[in-house]
Protein backbone atom coordinates (compact mmCIF):
# COMPACT_ATOMS: atom_id res chain seq x y z
CA MET A 1 17.36 42.58 -3.56
CA GLN A 2 15.06 44.86 -1.30
CA LEU A 3 11.21 44.76 -1.29
CA HIS A 4 11.00 48.36 -3.33
CA ASP A 5 13.24 46.50 -5.56
CA VAL A 6 10.54 43.78 -5.61
CA TRP A 7 7.76 45.99 -6.26
CA PHE A 8 9.41 47.87 -9.22
CA VAL A 9 9.79 44.80 -10.95
CA LEU A 10 6.26 43.74 -10.06
CA ILE A 11 4.74 47.18 -11.39
CA ALA A 12 7.26 46.69 -14.48
CA PHE A 13 5.23 43.66 -14.91
CA LEU A 14 1.84 44.85 -14.46
CA TRP A 15 2.12 47.67 -17.13
CA THR A 16 4.03 45.09 -19.45
CA GLY A 17 0.55 42.82 -19.12
CA TYR A 18 -1.55 45.95 -19.68
CA PHE A 19 0.25 46.90 -22.93
CA PHE A 20 0.47 43.19 -24.05
CA LEU A 21 -3.25 42.64 -23.65
CA GLU A 22 -4.55 46.12 -24.36
CA GLY A 23 -2.29 46.73 -27.03
CA PHE A 24 -4.01 44.61 -29.45
CA ASP A 25 -7.52 45.72 -28.04
CA PHE A 26 -6.63 49.26 -28.89
CA GLY A 27 -5.31 48.07 -32.46
CA ILE A 28 -8.83 46.62 -32.82
CA GLY A 29 -10.46 49.96 -32.25
CA VAL A 30 -8.43 51.63 -34.70
CA LEU A 31 -8.70 48.90 -37.44
CA THR A 32 -12.66 49.15 -36.83
CA LYS A 33 -12.16 51.90 -39.50
CA LEU A 34 -8.97 51.02 -41.22
CA LEU A 35 -10.00 47.22 -41.74
CA ALA A 36 -13.48 46.86 -41.48
CA ARG A 37 -15.61 47.26 -44.93
CA ASP A 38 -18.81 47.68 -43.30
CA ARG A 39 -21.06 47.54 -40.08
CA GLN A 40 -21.05 43.79 -39.92
CA GLU A 41 -17.41 43.71 -40.07
CA LYS A 42 -17.08 46.01 -37.52
CA ARG A 43 -19.15 43.82 -35.24
CA VAL A 44 -16.88 41.34 -35.83
CA LEU A 45 -13.72 42.89 -35.02
CA ILE A 46 -15.64 44.21 -31.75
CA ASN A 47 -16.78 40.72 -30.96
CA THR A 48 -12.85 39.33 -31.10
CA ILE A 49 -12.38 41.55 -27.96
CA GLY A 50 -15.92 41.91 -26.47
CA PRO A 51 -15.72 39.09 -23.83
CA VAL A 52 -11.74 40.30 -22.81
CA TRP A 53 -11.42 44.38 -23.33
CA ASP A 54 -12.93 45.10 -19.58
CA GLY A 55 -10.61 42.17 -18.01
CA ASN A 56 -7.80 43.78 -19.95
CA GLU A 57 -8.04 46.98 -18.18
CA VAL A 58 -7.61 45.50 -14.45
CA TRP A 59 -4.19 45.64 -15.29
CA LEU A 60 -3.95 49.33 -15.83
CA ILE A 61 -5.88 49.61 -12.26
CA SER A 62 -3.72 47.42 -10.93
CA ALA A 63 -0.41 48.89 -11.73
CA ALA A 64 -1.93 52.47 -10.60
CA GLY A 65 -2.88 50.89 -7.26
CA ALA A 66 0.53 49.50 -6.86
CA THR A 67 2.43 52.53 -7.78
CA PHE A 68 0.17 54.25 -5.61
CA ALA A 69 0.44 52.03 -2.18
CA ALA A 70 4.26 51.09 -3.25
CA PHE A 71 5.42 54.45 -4.26
CA PRO A 72 3.46 57.07 -2.96
CA GLU A 73 5.81 59.79 -3.98
CA TRP A 74 6.18 58.47 -7.71
CA TYR A 75 2.35 57.92 -7.98
CA ALA A 76 1.98 61.88 -6.73
CA THR A 77 4.61 63.09 -8.82
CA LEU A 78 3.18 61.18 -11.78
CA PHE A 79 -0.26 61.99 -11.61
CA SER A 80 0.22 65.40 -10.53
CA GLY A 81 2.48 66.31 -13.25
CA PHE A 82 1.44 64.23 -16.07
CA TYR A 83 -2.76 64.96 -15.24
CA LEU A 84 -3.65 66.30 -18.86
CA PRO A 85 -2.26 63.23 -20.84
CA LEU A 86 -3.63 60.69 -18.20
CA LEU A 87 -6.72 62.75 -17.47
CA LEU A 88 -7.27 62.46 -21.37
CA ILE A 89 -6.93 58.53 -21.49
CA LEU A 90 -9.13 57.73 -18.33
CA ILE A 91 -11.85 60.17 -20.38
CA CYS A 92 -11.27 57.72 -23.29
CA LEU A 93 -11.45 54.46 -21.41
CA ILE A 94 -14.33 55.56 -20.08
CA LEU A 95 -16.22 56.88 -23.08
CA ARG A 96 -14.98 53.51 -24.93
CA GLY A 97 -16.51 51.50 -22.77
CA VAL A 98 -19.54 53.36 -22.88
CA ALA A 99 -19.28 53.26 -26.55
CA PHE A 100 -18.67 49.16 -26.84
CA GLU A 101 -22.07 48.89 -24.40
CA TYR A 102 -24.68 51.49 -25.96
CA ARG A 103 -23.62 51.21 -30.27
CA VAL A 104 -26.32 48.73 -30.36
CA LYS A 105 -28.68 50.03 -27.98
CA ARG A 106 -30.41 51.58 -30.86
CA PRO A 107 -31.13 50.98 -34.40
CA GLU A 108 -30.67 54.67 -35.82
CA GLU A 109 -27.85 54.80 -38.22
CA ARG A 110 -26.30 58.29 -36.97
CA TRP A 111 -26.43 56.38 -33.41
CA GLN A 112 -24.41 53.36 -34.33
CA ARG A 113 -22.21 56.00 -36.65
CA ASN A 114 -21.26 57.94 -33.87
CA TRP A 115 -20.61 55.28 -31.42
CA GLU A 116 -18.13 53.60 -33.71
CA HIS A 117 -16.08 57.10 -34.36
CA THR A 118 -15.63 57.20 -30.72
CA ILE A 119 -14.48 53.83 -30.44
CA PHE A 120 -12.11 54.28 -33.02
CA TRP A 121 -10.53 57.76 -31.34
CA THR A 122 -10.70 56.40 -27.96
CA SER A 123 -8.82 53.83 -28.95
CA LEU A 124 -6.25 55.47 -31.16
CA LEU A 125 -5.54 58.42 -28.58
CA PRO A 126 -4.70 56.35 -25.22
CA ALA A 127 -2.33 54.05 -27.38
CA ALA A 128 -0.45 57.09 -28.46
CA LEU A 129 -0.50 58.83 -25.27
CA TRP A 130 0.66 55.91 -23.44
CA GLY A 131 3.88 56.26 -25.46
CA VAL A 132 4.32 60.12 -24.92
CA ILE A 133 3.98 59.54 -21.20
CA PHE A 134 6.53 56.79 -20.92
CA GLY A 135 8.89 57.90 -23.28
CA ASN A 136 9.03 61.06 -20.75
CA LEU A 137 8.96 58.80 -17.89
CA VAL A 138 12.66 57.18 -19.49
CA HIS A 139 13.62 60.93 -20.84
CA GLY A 140 13.42 62.66 -17.69
CA VAL A 141 10.97 65.34 -16.77
CA LYS A 142 11.61 68.30 -15.00
CA ILE A 143 11.28 67.59 -11.08
CA ASP A 144 12.56 69.73 -8.68
CA ALA A 145 14.45 69.58 -4.95
CA HIS A 146 10.65 68.82 -3.47
CA LYS A 147 9.59 66.01 -5.70
CA GLU A 148 7.46 68.26 -7.78
CA TYR A 149 6.91 68.56 -11.79
CA VAL A 150 7.54 72.26 -12.43
CA GLY A 151 7.32 71.59 -16.29
CA SER A 152 4.58 72.74 -18.92
CA LEU A 153 2.23 70.25 -21.01
CA LEU A 154 4.66 71.35 -23.71
CA ASP A 155 7.89 70.27 -22.16
CA LEU A 156 6.01 66.49 -22.57
CA LEU A 157 5.34 67.18 -26.38
CA ASN A 158 9.43 66.66 -26.81
CA PRO A 159 10.58 64.92 -30.02
CA TYR A 160 11.83 61.72 -28.01
CA ALA A 161 8.86 61.38 -26.42
CA ILE A 162 6.06 61.96 -29.52
CA LEU A 163 8.13 59.41 -31.27
CA GLY A 164 7.44 56.92 -28.69
CA GLY A 165 3.70 57.58 -29.02
CA LEU A 166 4.49 56.42 -32.42
CA VAL A 167 5.76 53.50 -31.68
CA THR A 168 3.28 52.43 -29.43
CA LEU A 169 0.36 53.76 -31.71
CA THR A 170 1.62 51.39 -34.98
CA LEU A 171 3.29 48.74 -32.68
CA PHE A 172 -0.62 48.36 -30.87
CA THR A 173 -2.16 48.49 -34.42
CA PHE A 174 0.07 45.74 -35.80
CA HIS A 175 -0.66 43.76 -32.81
CA GLY A 176 -3.93 44.33 -33.22
CA ALA A 177 -4.15 43.20 -36.73
CA VAL A 178 -2.44 39.91 -36.06
CA PHE A 179 -4.75 39.54 -33.20
CA ALA A 180 -7.95 39.70 -35.78
CA SER A 181 -6.65 37.54 -38.26
CA LEU A 182 -6.17 35.13 -35.55
CA LYS A 183 -9.44 35.54 -34.38
CA THR A 184 -11.54 35.60 -37.43
CA VAL A 185 -12.40 33.35 -40.35
CA GLY A 186 -13.26 34.36 -44.10
CA ASP A 187 -12.23 37.34 -46.12
CA ILE A 188 -11.72 39.79 -43.17
CA ARG A 189 -8.87 37.63 -42.02
CA GLU A 190 -7.20 37.66 -45.45
CA ARG A 191 -7.40 41.06 -45.15
CA ALA A 192 -5.89 41.44 -41.40
CA ARG A 193 -3.03 39.25 -42.44
CA ARG A 194 -2.50 41.89 -45.76
CA MET A 195 -3.03 45.02 -42.72
CA ALA A 196 -0.70 43.73 -40.44
CA ALA A 197 2.24 43.41 -43.25
CA VAL A 198 1.67 47.08 -44.16
CA LEU A 199 1.53 48.00 -40.53
CA GLY A 200 4.64 45.68 -39.43
CA PRO A 201 7.30 47.83 -41.40
CA ILE A 202 6.18 50.73 -40.31
CA ALA A 203 6.37 49.61 -36.61
CA ALA A 204 9.81 48.46 -36.96
CA VAL A 205 10.99 51.45 -38.31
CA ALA A 206 9.62 53.68 -35.23
CA ALA A 207 10.39 51.20 -32.97
CA VAL A 208 14.41 50.80 -33.95
CA GLY A 209 14.55 54.30 -34.03
CA PHE A 210 13.28 54.79 -30.84
CA LEU A 211 14.62 51.93 -29.30
CA GLY A 212 18.35 52.92 -30.77
CA TRP A 213 17.72 56.54 -29.41
CA THR A 214 16.76 54.80 -25.74
CA GLN A 215 19.95 52.89 -25.99
CA ALA A 216 22.19 55.32 -27.04
CA ASP A 217 20.93 57.71 -24.30
CA LYS A 218 20.02 55.39 -21.45
CA GLY A 219 21.33 51.74 -22.36
CA ASP A 220 23.75 48.95 -20.91
CA SER A 221 24.02 45.86 -21.85
CA THR A 222 20.88 44.34 -20.46
CA SER A 223 18.60 46.92 -22.22
CA LEU A 224 20.48 45.59 -25.48
CA VAL A 225 19.64 42.34 -25.06
CA ALA A 226 15.81 43.27 -24.60
CA MET A 227 16.14 45.86 -27.79
CA ILE A 228 17.63 42.61 -29.57
CA VAL A 229 14.97 40.44 -29.13
CA ALA A 230 12.27 43.52 -29.38
CA VAL A 231 13.75 43.60 -32.95
CA VAL A 232 14.18 39.93 -34.03
CA ALA A 233 10.55 39.34 -32.47
CA LEU A 234 8.61 41.72 -34.77
CA VAL A 235 10.78 40.44 -37.52
CA ALA A 236 9.39 37.30 -36.60
CA ALA A 237 5.97 38.17 -36.31
CA LEU A 238 6.05 39.62 -40.12
CA GLY A 239 7.31 35.98 -41.33
CA ALA A 240 5.09 34.09 -39.50
CA ASN A 241 2.18 36.42 -40.76
CA ARG A 242 3.30 35.92 -44.26
CA LEU A 243 3.46 32.51 -43.55
CA GLY A 244 -0.31 32.35 -42.57
CA ARG A 245 0.99 31.18 -39.14
CA GLU A 246 -1.41 33.62 -37.05
CA GLY A 247 -0.64 31.98 -33.83
CA TRP A 248 3.24 32.11 -34.19
CA ALA A 249 2.79 35.78 -35.32
CA PHE A 250 0.44 37.01 -32.31
CA ALA A 251 3.11 35.31 -30.01
CA PHE A 252 5.82 37.62 -31.84
CA SER A 253 4.01 40.42 -31.76
CA GLY A 254 3.42 40.26 -28.35
CA LEU A 255 6.85 39.35 -27.58
CA THR A 256 7.94 42.44 -29.15
CA VAL A 257 5.39 44.44 -27.14
CA VAL A 258 6.77 42.72 -24.00
CA ALA A 259 10.56 43.32 -24.38
CA THR A 260 10.19 46.81 -25.79
CA VAL A 261 8.26 47.85 -22.31
CA THR A 262 10.68 45.50 -20.65
CA MET A 263 13.86 47.90 -22.28
CA LEU A 264 12.06 51.16 -21.18
CA PHE A 265 11.67 49.77 -17.43
CA LEU A 266 15.72 48.50 -17.58
CA THR A 267 16.85 51.32 -19.02
CA LEU A 268 14.94 53.61 -15.78
CA PHE A 269 15.76 51.57 -13.33
CA PRO A 270 17.04 52.21 -10.19
CA ASN A 271 15.02 55.49 -11.20
CA VAL A 272 11.21 55.56 -11.44
CA MET A 273 11.40 59.45 -12.41
CA PRO A 274 14.54 60.99 -13.46
CA SER A 275 14.70 64.98 -12.90
CA THR A 276 16.36 66.79 -15.82
CA LEU A 277 16.86 69.83 -13.59
CA ASN A 278 19.11 67.64 -11.02
CA GLU A 279 20.13 63.87 -11.26
CA SER A 280 20.13 64.38 -7.11
CA TRP A 281 16.34 65.34 -7.41
CA ASN A 282 15.41 61.97 -9.38
CA LEU A 283 12.76 60.14 -7.79
CA THR A 284 14.17 56.34 -6.96
CA VAL A 285 12.92 52.88 -5.70
CA SER A 286 14.51 53.93 -2.49
CA ASN A 287 13.45 57.47 -1.68
CA ALA A 288 9.86 57.18 -3.43
CA ALA A 289 9.14 53.71 -1.47
CA SER A 290 6.55 53.17 1.04
CA SER A 291 7.80 51.82 4.30
CA PRO A 292 9.26 48.76 4.18
CA TYR A 293 6.14 47.05 6.73
CA THR A 294 3.86 48.42 4.17
CA LEU A 295 5.68 47.04 1.24
CA LYS A 296 5.92 43.37 3.38
CA ILE A 297 2.06 43.71 3.74
CA MET A 298 1.45 44.08 0.07
CA THR A 299 3.56 41.72 -1.08
CA TRP A 300 1.77 39.20 1.23
CA GLY A 301 -1.75 40.61 -0.34
CA ALA A 302 -0.17 40.34 -3.89
CA GLY A 303 1.12 36.73 -3.74
CA PHE A 304 -2.44 35.59 -2.79
CA ALA A 305 -4.53 37.61 -5.36
CA ALA A 306 -2.01 38.04 -8.53
CA PRO A 307 -2.29 34.58 -9.28
CA LEU A 308 -5.88 34.16 -9.06
CA VAL A 309 -6.71 36.84 -11.08
CA MET A 310 -4.01 35.44 -14.10
CA LEU A 311 -6.08 31.89 -13.47
CA TYR A 312 -9.60 33.86 -14.18
CA GLN A 313 -8.02 35.61 -17.00
CA GLY A 314 -5.99 32.90 -18.75
CA TRP A 315 -9.70 30.89 -18.24
CA THR A 316 -11.45 33.48 -19.52
CA TYR A 317 -9.31 33.44 -23.16
CA TRP A 318 -9.27 29.71 -23.20
CA VAL A 319 -13.47 29.73 -22.97
CA PHE A 320 -13.38 32.85 -26.02
CA ARG A 321 -10.79 30.84 -27.58
CA LYS A 322 -12.61 30.48 -31.38
CA ARG A 323 -12.54 32.30 -34.36
CA ILE A 324 -15.70 34.58 -35.86
CA GLY A 325 -16.77 35.92 -38.89
CA THR A 326 -19.65 37.40 -40.67
CA GLN A 327 -21.28 34.52 -40.79
CA HIS A 328 -21.76 34.29 -36.88
CA ILE A 329 -23.36 37.73 -37.30
CA ALA A 330 -27.51 37.24 -37.48
CA GLU A 331 -28.14 40.68 -38.26
CA ALA A 332 -26.37 43.56 -38.67
CA HIS A 333 -27.67 46.14 -36.39
């Protein structure tokens, strides 16, 4: 395996970690409207991710930075061709962080309600848009001989990509509902379990359709294994949720996310952005990569920094592992 192959795997790992962690993060944001009955319960849900949501986004920054350094051609074509959906995601992430911090800075009803609307929409839109973007990455886009995207915004809104957006939205919301049941106590915990029981089958139908389409179009034996793992894990998550085993339910819902993203990268390799105009114009791990010397230096740096970041983030989750409920909210703001 050459260094550009190693970095493709590392970037796939970073994106997988991001979707595993930010997936339930986005799901909690969506559930502030679907699950919470009042402002106090909204505070409970937001507090479940309060200590970790910004750390989860480190995985996105790392994935984008690694792509820029290891595969500059991939980065340039991706961020220029998909600049509108990526810009919308960036705006959502900025506003979402501001909403978390500023929502309780003033006691006025209108102030807090507007920021709560912001949290909901800036969680829902990225959750769907990431599926659209990765759906297009796997499906292929209009790339010419100069490695430039020559399609339009409407070209990105094809049926396969839209289905991908529906999958990530429903799967992340289900993942968030399972996380909410794991991290809360009292009535909201029971309602989170019931919400997960409703969302799970919806996510399963969308995921089976999307993954089946992916397998039929671009899959092989390894991607088939990943697809089977994703489907079995989702069924297991529903079963564990039904039995009230929140820890196992969260582990299996997370495995569903991991297996789904893994399947997409398996079907993508050795391409990083396929061209629908001419296969010889595909961006691949070899023609889009940096020089071997650059990749070598990056490998040494990543080997030192990545374990430290993962250990620190794991320690954060351990420190804030306890459940919370409305009784832990001293005063509703």
